[in-house]
Amino acid sequence: MKKINNIKLKSLEQTKAFYLWELKKEVLTESERSKYLLALKSIEKIIKEKEDSRERGKYKRFIAYDHKTVFHNNKSYRGY
């Protein structure tokens, strides 16, 4: 999985476009066509995983808050 993270998203998009272009050719044999389709599915899966991980990474910032203001401003807090 570590090698997959090193691959850039742009190169994956270019490879996907190339495979789609190759699939449009009519001279491909059935085995070649199935290999291209299988590779295309795996590329699309990797792209989706990379985009999802980017989305999850946006919200991983730690937001610290002041505990005293949170708990001491509460009306039920007696301050013993």
PDB file of N, CA and C in Angstrom:
ATOM      1  N   MET A   1       0.828  -1.193   0.000  1.00  0.00           N
ATOM      2  CA  MET A   1       0.000   0.000   0.000  1.00  0.00           C
ATOM      3  C   MET A   1       0.866   1.247   0.000  1.00  0.00           C
ATOM      4  N   LYS A   2       2.099   1.120   0.475  1.00  0.00           N
ATOM      5  CA  LYS A   2       2.976   2.270   0.551  1.00  0.00           C
ATOM      6  C   LYS A   2       3.335   2.778  -0.840  1.00  0.00           C
ATOM      7  N   LYS A   3       3.531   1.862  -1.800  1.00  0.00           N
ATOM      8  CA  LYS A   3       3.872   2.280  -3.154  1.00  0.00           C
ATOM      9  C   LYS A   3       2.708   2.996  -3.828  1.00  0.00           C
ATOM     10  N   ILE A   4       1.497   2.599  -3.495  1.00  0.00           N
ATOM     11  CA  ILE A   4       0.320   3.231  -4.084  1.00  0.00           C
ATOM     12  C   ILE A   4       0.244   4.694  -3.673  1.00  0.00           C
ATOM     13  N   ASN A   5       0.637   4.999  -2.436  1.00  0.00           N
ATOM     14  CA  ASN A   5       0.587   6.375  -1.970  1.00  0.00           C
ATOM     15  C   ASN A   5       1.596   7.260  -2.676  1.00  0.00           C
ATOM     16  N   ASN A   6       2.652   6.680  -3.238  1.00  0.00           N
ATOM     17  CA  ASN A   6       3.649   7.473  -3.933  1.00  0.00           C
ATOM     18  C   ASN A   6       3.231   7.852  -5.346  1.00  0.00           C
ATOM     19  N   ILE A   7       2.281   7.152  -5.885  1.00  0.00           N
ATOM     20  CA  ILE A   7       1.820   7.439  -7.244  1.00  0.00           C
ATOM     21  C   ILE A   7       0.986   8.712  -7.230  1.00  0.00           C
ATOM     22  N   LYS A   8       1.267   9.586  -8.153  1.00  0.00           N
ATOM     23  CA  LYS A   8       0.525  10.845  -8.186  1.00  0.00           C
ATOM     24  C   LYS A   8      -0.817  10.665  -8.869  1.00  0.00           C
ATOM     25  N   LEU A   9      -1.758  11.429  -8.406  1.00  0.00           N
ATOM     26  CA  LEU A   9      -3.121  11.345  -8.922  1.00  0.00           C
ATOM     27  C   LEU A   9      -3.181  11.729 -10.394  1.00  0.00           C
ATOM     28  N   LYS A  10      -2.373  12.690 -10.777  1.00  0.00           N
ATOM     29  CA  LYS A  10      -2.376  13.149 -12.168  1.00  0.00           C
ATOM     30  C   LYS A  10      -1.927  12.041 -13.116  1.00  0.00           C
ATOM     31  N   SER A  11      -0.914  11.292 -12.737  1.00  0.00           N
ATOM     32  CA  SER A  11      -0.451  10.207 -13.595  1.00  0.00           C
ATOM     33  C   SER A  11      -1.493   9.095 -13.686  1.00  0.00           C
ATOM     34  N   LEU A  12      -2.237   8.880 -12.606  1.00  0.00           N
ATOM     35  CA  LEU A  12      -3.317   7.894 -12.656  1.00  0.00           C
ATOM     36  C   LEU A  12      -4.412   8.331 -13.614  1.00  0.00           C
ATOM     37  N   GLU A  13      -4.728   9.617 -13.604  1.00  0.00           N
ATOM     38  CA  GLU A  13      -5.746  10.132 -14.516  1.00  0.00           C
ATOM     39  C   GLU A  13      -5.289   9.984 -15.971  1.00  0.00           C
ATOM     40  N   GLN A  14      -4.011  10.225 -16.230  1.00  0.00           N
ATOM     41  CA  GLN A  14      -3.480  10.085 -17.587  1.00  0.00           C
ATOM     42  C   GLN A  14      -3.511   8.631 -18.038  1.00  0.00           C
ATOM     43  N   THR A  15      -3.177   7.741 -17.140  1.00  0.00           N
ATOM     44  CA  THR A  15      -3.212   6.314 -17.472  1.00  0.00           C
ATOM     45  C   THR A  15      -4.638   5.865 -17.747  1.00  0.00           C
ATOM     46  N   LYS A  16      -5.565   6.357 -16.966  1.00  0.00           N
ATOM     47  CA  LYS A  16      -6.975   6.025 -17.172  1.00  0.00           C
ATOM     48  C   LYS A  16      -7.441   6.510 -18.544  1.00  0.00           C
ATOM     49  N   ALA A  17      -7.048   7.713 -18.916  1.00  0.00           N
ATOM     50  CA  ALA A  17      -7.421   8.258 -20.229  1.00  0.00           C
ATOM     51  C   ALA A  17      -6.807   7.428 -21.352  1.00  0.00           C
ATOM     52  N   PHE A  18      -5.574   6.988 -21.176  1.00  0.00           N
ATOM     53  CA  PHE A  18      -4.924   6.162 -22.186  1.00  0.00           C
ATOM     54  C   PHE A  18      -5.651   4.836 -22.350  1.00  0.00           C
ATOM     55  N   TYR A  19      -6.007   4.203 -21.244  1.00  0.00           N
ATOM     56  CA  TYR A  19      -6.708   2.927 -21.324  1.00  0.00           C
ATOM     57  C   TYR A  19      -8.077   3.084 -21.982  1.00  0.00           C
ATOM     58  N   LEU A  20      -8.769   4.172 -21.685  1.00  0.00           N
ATOM     59  CA  LEU A  20     -10.055   4.411 -22.345  1.00  0.00           C
ATOM     60  C   LEU A  20      -9.870   4.598 -23.841  1.00  0.00           C
ATOM     61  N   TRP A  21      -8.799   5.285 -24.224  1.00  0.00           N
ATOM     62  CA  TRP A  21      -8.505   5.492 -25.641  1.00  0.00           C
ATOM     63  C   TRP A  21      -8.181   4.162 -26.314  1.00  0.00           C
ATOM     64  N   GLU A  22      -7.426   3.307 -25.639  1.00  0.00           N
ATOM     65  CA  GLU A  22      -7.089   1.994 -26.187  1.00  0.00           C
ATOM     66  C   GLU A  22      -8.335   1.118 -26.339  1.00  0.00           C
ATOM     67  N   LEU A  23      -9.272   1.245 -25.395  1.00  0.00           N
ATOM     68  CA  LEU A  23     -10.483   0.423 -25.478  1.00  0.00           C
ATOM     69  C   LEU A  23     -11.373   0.805 -26.653  1.00  0.00           C
ATOM     70  N   LYS A  24     -11.218   2.017 -27.156  1.00  0.00           N
ATOM     71  CA  LYS A  24     -12.029   2.447 -28.301  1.00  0.00           C
ATOM     72  C   LYS A  24     -11.560   1.812 -29.607  1.00  0.00           C
ATOM     73  N   LYS A  25     -10.354   1.279 -29.615  1.00  0.00           N
ATOM     74  CA  LYS A  25      -9.844   0.635 -30.826  1.00  0.00           C
ATOM     75  C   LYS A  25     -10.632  -0.638 -31.105  1.00  0.00           C
ATOM     76  N   GLU A  26     -10.889  -0.870 -32.355  1.00  0.00           N
ATOM     77  CA  GLU A  26     -11.665  -2.054 -32.729  1.00  0.00           C
ATOM     78  C   GLU A  26     -10.783  -3.275 -32.996  1.00  0.00           C
ATOM     79  N   VAL A  27      -9.468  -3.074 -33.082  1.00  0.00           N
ATOM     80  CA  VAL A  27      -8.581  -4.185 -33.424  1.00  0.00           C
ATOM     81  C   VAL A  27      -8.122  -4.978 -32.200  1.00  0.00           C
ATOM     82  N   LEU A  28      -8.596  -4.655 -31.032  1.00  0.00           N
ATOM     83  CA  LEU A  28      -8.200  -5.376 -29.823  1.00  0.00           C
ATOM     84  C   LEU A  28      -8.852  -6.750 -29.774  1.00  0.00           C
ATOM     85  N   THR A  29      -8.093  -7.713 -29.322  1.00  0.00           N
ATOM     86  CA  THR A  29      -8.670  -9.037 -29.113  1.00  0.00           C
ATOM     87  C   THR A  29      -9.468  -9.024 -27.807  1.00  0.00           C
ATOM     88  N   GLU A  30     -10.214 -10.078 -27.603  1.00  0.00           N
ATOM     89  CA  GLU A  30     -11.051 -10.146 -26.403  1.00  0.00           C
ATOM     90  C   GLU A  30     -10.200 -10.206 -25.125  1.00  0.00           C
ATOM     91  N   SER A  31      -9.086 -10.912 -25.176  1.00  0.00           N
ATOM     92  CA  SER A  31      -8.218 -10.993 -23.989  1.00  0.00           C
ATOM     93  C   SER A  31      -7.563  -9.647 -23.690  1.00  0.00           C
ATOM     94  N   GLU A  32      -7.144  -8.925 -24.728  1.00  0.00           N
ATOM     95  CA  GLU A  32      -6.568  -7.592 -24.508  1.00  0.00           C
ATOM     96  C   GLU A  32      -7.605  -6.651 -23.918  1.00  0.00           C
ATOM     97  N   ARG A  33      -8.814  -6.731 -24.463  1.00  0.00           N
ATOM     98  CA  ARG A  33      -9.897  -5.872 -23.979  1.00  0.00           C
ATOM     99  C   ARG A  33     -10.209  -6.159 -22.506  1.00  0.00           C
ATOM    100  N   SER A  34     -10.215  -7.434 -22.130  1.00  0.00           N
ATOM    101  CA  SER A  34     -10.507  -7.776 -20.740  1.00  0.00           C
ATOM    102  C   SER A  34      -9.382  -7.317 -19.814  1.00  0.00           C
ATOM    103  N   LYS A  35      -8.140  -7.385 -20.290  1.00  0.00           N
ATOM    104  CA  LYS A  35      -7.018  -6.910 -19.473  1.00  0.00           C
ATOM    105  C   LYS A  35      -7.102  -5.395 -19.258  1.00  0.00           C
ATOM    106  N   TYR A  36      -7.438  -4.662 -20.307  1.00  0.00           N
ATOM    107  CA  TYR A  36      -7.586  -3.210 -20.180  1.00  0.00           C
ATOM    108  C   TYR A  36      -8.729  -2.859 -19.229  1.00  0.00           C
ATOM    109  N   LEU A  37      -9.830  -3.585 -19.326  1.00  0.00           N
ATOM    110  CA  LEU A  37     -10.967  -3.321 -18.442  1.00  0.00           C
ATOM    111  C   LEU A  37     -10.622  -3.615 -16.985  1.00  0.00           C
ATOM    112  N   LEU A  38      -9.902  -4.694 -16.750  1.00  0.00           N
ATOM    113  CA  LEU A  38      -9.492  -5.033 -15.395  1.00  0.00           C
ATOM    114  C   LEU A  38      -8.551  -3.972 -14.826  1.00  0.00           C
ATOM    115  N   ALA A  39      -7.592  -3.531 -15.639  1.00  0.00           N
ATOM    116  CA  ALA A  39      -6.665  -2.490 -15.193  1.00  0.00           C
ATOM    117  C   ALA A  39      -7.402  -1.176 -14.956  1.00  0.00           C
ATOM    118  N   LEU A  40      -8.366  -0.873 -15.795  1.00  0.00           N
ATOM    119  CA  LEU A  40      -9.133   0.360 -15.655  1.00  0.00           C
ATOM    120  C   LEU A  40      -9.942   0.359 -14.357  1.00  0.00           C
ATOM    121  N   LYS A  41     -10.526  -0.779 -14.009  1.00  0.00           N
ATOM    122  CA  LYS A  41     -11.278  -0.876 -12.752  1.00  0.00           C
ATOM    123  C   LYS A  41     -10.371  -0.652 -11.547  1.00  0.00           C
ATOM    124  N   SER A  42      -9.173  -1.244 -11.586  1.00  0.00           N
ATOM    125  CA  SER A  42      -8.261  -1.072 -10.448  1.00  0.00           C
ATOM    126  C   SER A  42      -7.757   0.364 -10.366  1.00  0.00           C
ATOM    127  N   ILE A  43      -7.512   1.010 -11.493  1.00  0.00           N
ATOM    128  CA  ILE A  43      -7.080   2.417 -11.491  1.00  0.00           C
ATOM    129  C   ILE A  43      -8.175   3.301 -10.924  1.00  0.00           C
ATOM    130  N   GLU A  44      -9.418   3.064 -11.337  1.00  0.00           N
ATOM    131  CA  GLU A  44     -10.530   3.861 -10.818  1.00  0.00           C
ATOM    132  C   GLU A  44     -10.691   3.662  -9.311  1.00  0.00           C
ATOM    133  N   LYS A  45     -10.461   2.459  -8.830  1.00  0.00           N
ATOM    134  CA  LYS A  45     -10.544   2.184  -7.397  1.00  0.00           C
ATOM    135  C   LYS A  45      -9.459   2.946  -6.639  1.00  0.00           C
ATOM    136  N   ILE A  46      -8.242   2.949  -7.172  1.00  0.00           N
ATOM    137  CA  ILE A  46      -7.136   3.663  -6.528  1.00  0.00           C
ATOM    138  C   ILE A  46      -7.400   5.162  -6.511  1.00  0.00           C
ATOM    139  N   ILE A  47      -7.908   5.698  -7.617  1.00  0.00           N
ATOM    140  CA  ILE A  47      -8.219   7.133  -7.688  1.00  0.00           C
ATOM    141  C   ILE A  47      -9.277   7.491  -6.653  1.00  0.00           C
ATOM    142  N   LYS A  48     -10.301   6.654  -6.545  1.00  0.00           N
ATOM    143  CA  LYS A  48     -11.366   6.918  -5.573  1.00  0.00           C
ATOM    144  C   LYS A  48     -10.823   6.894  -4.146  1.00  0.00           C
ATOM    145  N   GLU A  49      -9.955   5.921  -3.846  1.00  0.00           N
ATOM    146  CA  GLU A  49      -9.370   5.839  -2.513  1.00  0.00           C
ATOM    147  C   GLU A  49      -8.514   7.061  -2.204  1.00  0.00           C
ATOM    148  N   LYS A  50      -7.733   7.518  -3.186  1.00  0.00           N
ATOM    149  CA  LYS A  50      -6.882   8.689  -2.984  1.00  0.00           C
ATOM    150  C   LYS A  50      -7.722   9.938  -2.741  1.00  0.00           C
ATOM    151  N   GLU A  51      -8.800  10.102  -3.515  1.00  0.00           N
ATOM    152  CA  GLU A  51      -9.655  11.276  -3.334  1.00  0.00           C
ATOM    153  C   GLU A  51     -10.376  11.226  -1.997  1.00  0.00           C
ATOM    154  N   ASP A  52     -10.810  10.033  -1.579  1.00  0.00           N
ATOM    155  CA  ASP A  52     -11.462   9.900  -0.275  1.00  0.00           C
ATOM    156  C   ASP A  52     -10.494  10.194   0.866  1.00  0.00           C
ATOM    157  N   SER A  53      -9.257   9.745   0.719  1.00  0.00           N
ATOM    158  CA  SER A  53      -8.277  10.003   1.777  1.00  0.00           C
ATOM    159  C   SER A  53      -7.945  11.487   1.862  1.00  0.00           C
ATOM    160  N   ARG A  54      -7.978  12.166   0.738  1.00  0.00           N
ATOM    161  CA  ARG A  54      -7.775  13.623   0.754  1.00  0.00           C
ATOM    162  C   ARG A  54      -8.905  14.307   1.498  1.00  0.00           C
ATOM    163  N   GLU A  55     -10.128  13.871   1.252  1.00  0.00           N
ATOM    164  CA  GLU A  55     -11.279  14.465   1.927  1.00  0.00           C
ATOM    165  C   GLU A  55     -11.215  14.224   3.427  1.00  0.00           C
ATOM    166  N   ARG A  56     -10.835  13.024   3.831  1.00  0.00           N
ATOM    167  CA  ARG A  56     -10.726  12.730   5.258  1.00  0.00           C
ATOM    168  C   ARG A  56      -9.598  13.531   5.893  1.00  0.00           C
ATOM    169  N   GLY A  57      -8.543  13.790   5.154  1.00  0.00           N
ATOM    170  CA  GLY A  57      -7.409  14.520   5.686  1.00  0.00           C
ATOM    171  C   GLY A  57      -7.703  15.980   5.954  1.00  0.00           C
ATOM    172  N   LYS A  58      -8.702  16.539   5.310  1.00  0.00           N
ATOM    173  CA  LYS A  58      -9.042  17.943   5.509  1.00  0.00           C
ATOM    174  C   LYS A  58      -9.546  18.208   6.919  1.00  0.00           C
ATOM    175  N   TYR A  59     -10.184  17.241   7.517  1.00  0.00           N
ATOM    176  CA  TYR A  59     -10.853  17.452   8.794  1.00  0.00           C
ATOM    177  C   TYR A  59     -10.083  16.865   9.976  1.00  0.00           C
ATOM    178  N   LYS A  60      -8.814  16.582   9.796  1.00  0.00           N
ATOM    179  CA  LYS A  60      -8.047  15.967  10.867  1.00  0.00           C
ATOM    180  C   LYS A  60      -7.322  16.992  11.734  1.00  0.00           C
ATOM    181  N   ARG A  61      -7.627  18.242  11.592  1.00  0.00           N
ATOM    182  CA  ARG A  61      -6.978  19.256  12.418  1.00  0.00           C
ATOM    183  C   ARG A  61      -7.478  19.148  13.851  1.00  0.00           C
ATOM    184  N   PHE A  62      -6.566  19.322  14.781  1.00  0.00           N
ATOM    185  CA  PHE A  62      -6.916  19.288  16.195  1.00  0.00           C
ATOM    186  C   PHE A  62      -7.329  20.678  16.629  1.00  0.00           C
ATOM    187  N   ILE A  63      -8.501  20.808  17.182  1.00  0.00           N
ATOM    188  CA  ILE A  63      -8.995  22.092  17.665  1.00  0.00           C
ATOM    189  C   ILE A  63      -9.030  22.013  19.185  1.00  0.00           C
ATOM    190  N   ALA A  64      -8.096  22.724  19.802  1.00  0.00           N
ATOM    191  CA  ALA A  64      -8.020  22.726  21.262  1.00  0.00           C
ATOM    192  C   ALA A  64      -9.014  23.744  21.805  1.00  0.00           C
ATOM    193  N   TYR A  65      -9.611  23.434  22.928  1.00  0.00           N
ATOM    194  CA  TYR A  65     -10.532  24.376  23.556  1.00  0.00           C
ATOM    195  C   TYR A  65     -10.149  24.521  25.017  1.00  0.00           C
ATOM    196  N   ASP A  66     -10.541  25.605  25.588  1.00  0.00           N
ATOM    197  CA  ASP A  66     -10.206  25.910  26.969  1.00  0.00           C
ATOM    198  C   ASP A  66     -11.181  25.178  27.883  1.00  0.00           C
ATOM    199  N   HIS A  67     -10.668  24.244  28.673  1.00  0.00           N
ATOM    200  CA  HIS A  67     -11.518  23.418  29.529  1.00  0.00           C
ATOM    201  C   HIS A  67     -12.204  24.237  30.618  1.00  0.00           C
ATOM    202  N   LYS A  68     -11.522  25.252  31.112  1.00  0.00           N
ATOM    203  CA  LYS A  68     -12.112  26.042  32.189  1.00  0.00           C
ATOM    204  C   LYS A  68     -13.365  26.770  31.727  1.00  0.00           C
ATOM    205  N   THR A  69     -13.307  27.358  30.536  1.00  0.00           N
ATOM    206  CA  THR A  69     -14.482  28.086  30.065  1.00  0.00           C
ATOM    207  C   THR A  69     -15.613  27.134  29.724  1.00  0.00           C
ATOM    208  N   VAL A  70     -15.287  25.955  29.281  1.00  0.00           N
ATOM    209  CA  VAL A  70     -16.330  24.997  28.925  1.00  0.00           C
ATOM    210  C   VAL A  70     -17.037  24.487  30.170  1.00  0.00           C
ATOM    211  N   PHE A  71     -16.288  24.140  31.193  1.00  0.00           N
ATOM    212  CA  PHE A  71     -16.890  23.512  32.361  1.00  0.00           C
ATOM    213  C   PHE A  71     -17.276  24.507  33.457  1.00  0.00           C
ATOM    214  N   HIS A  72     -16.595  25.626  33.589  1.00  0.00           N
ATOM    215  CA  HIS A  72     -16.871  26.571  34.665  1.00  0.00           C
ATOM    216  C   HIS A  72     -18.018  27.526  34.335  1.00  0.00           C
ATOM    217  N   ASN A  73     -18.334  27.684  33.083  1.00  0.00           N
ATOM    218  CA  ASN A  73     -19.456  28.542  32.715  1.00  0.00           C
ATOM    219  C   ASN A  73     -20.780  27.803  32.770  1.00  0.00           C
ATOM    220  N   ASN A  74     -20.728  26.548  33.082  1.00  0.00           N
ATOM    221  CA  ASN A  74     -21.924  25.735  33.193  1.00  0.00           C
ATOM    222  C   ASN A  74     -22.660  26.113  34.493  1.00  0.00           C
ATOM    223  N   LYS A  75     -23.959  26.296  34.436  1.00  0.00           N
ATOM    224  CA  LYS A  75     -24.737  26.715  35.609  1.00  0.00           C
ATOM    225  C   LYS A  75     -24.753  25.652  36.698  1.00  0.00           C
ATOM    226  N   SER A  76     -24.601  24.407  36.336  1.00  0.00           N
ATOM    227  CA  SER A  76     -24.632  23.338  37.327  1.00  0.00           C
ATOM    228  C   SER A  76     -23.272  23.159  38.010  1.00  0.00           C
ATOM    229  N   TYR A  77     -22.253  23.863  37.568  1.00  0.00           N
ATOM    230  CA  TYR A  77     -20.916  23.728  38.157  1.00  0.00           C
ATOM    231  C   TYR A  77     -20.866  24.496  39.465  1.00  0.00           C
ATOM    232  N   ARG A  78     -20.515  23.837  40.549  1.00  0.00           N
ATOM    233  CA  ARG A  78     -20.520  24.471  41.864  1.00  0.00           C
ATOM    234  C   ARG A  78     -19.141  24.960  42.275  1.00  0.00           C
ATOM    235  N   GLY A  79     -18.075  24.419  41.700  1.00  0.00           N
ATOM    236  CA  GLY A  79     -16.741  24.884  41.997  1.00  0.00           C
ATOM    237  C   GLY A  79     -16.161  24.423  43.289  1.00  0.00           C
ATOM    238  N   TYR A  80     -16.478  23.258  43.745  1.00  0.00           N
ATOM    239  CA  TYR A  80     -15.937  22.745  45.003  1.00  0.00           C
ATOM    240  C   TYR A  80     -14.459  22.588  44.917  1.00  0.00           C
TER     241      TYR A  80
END
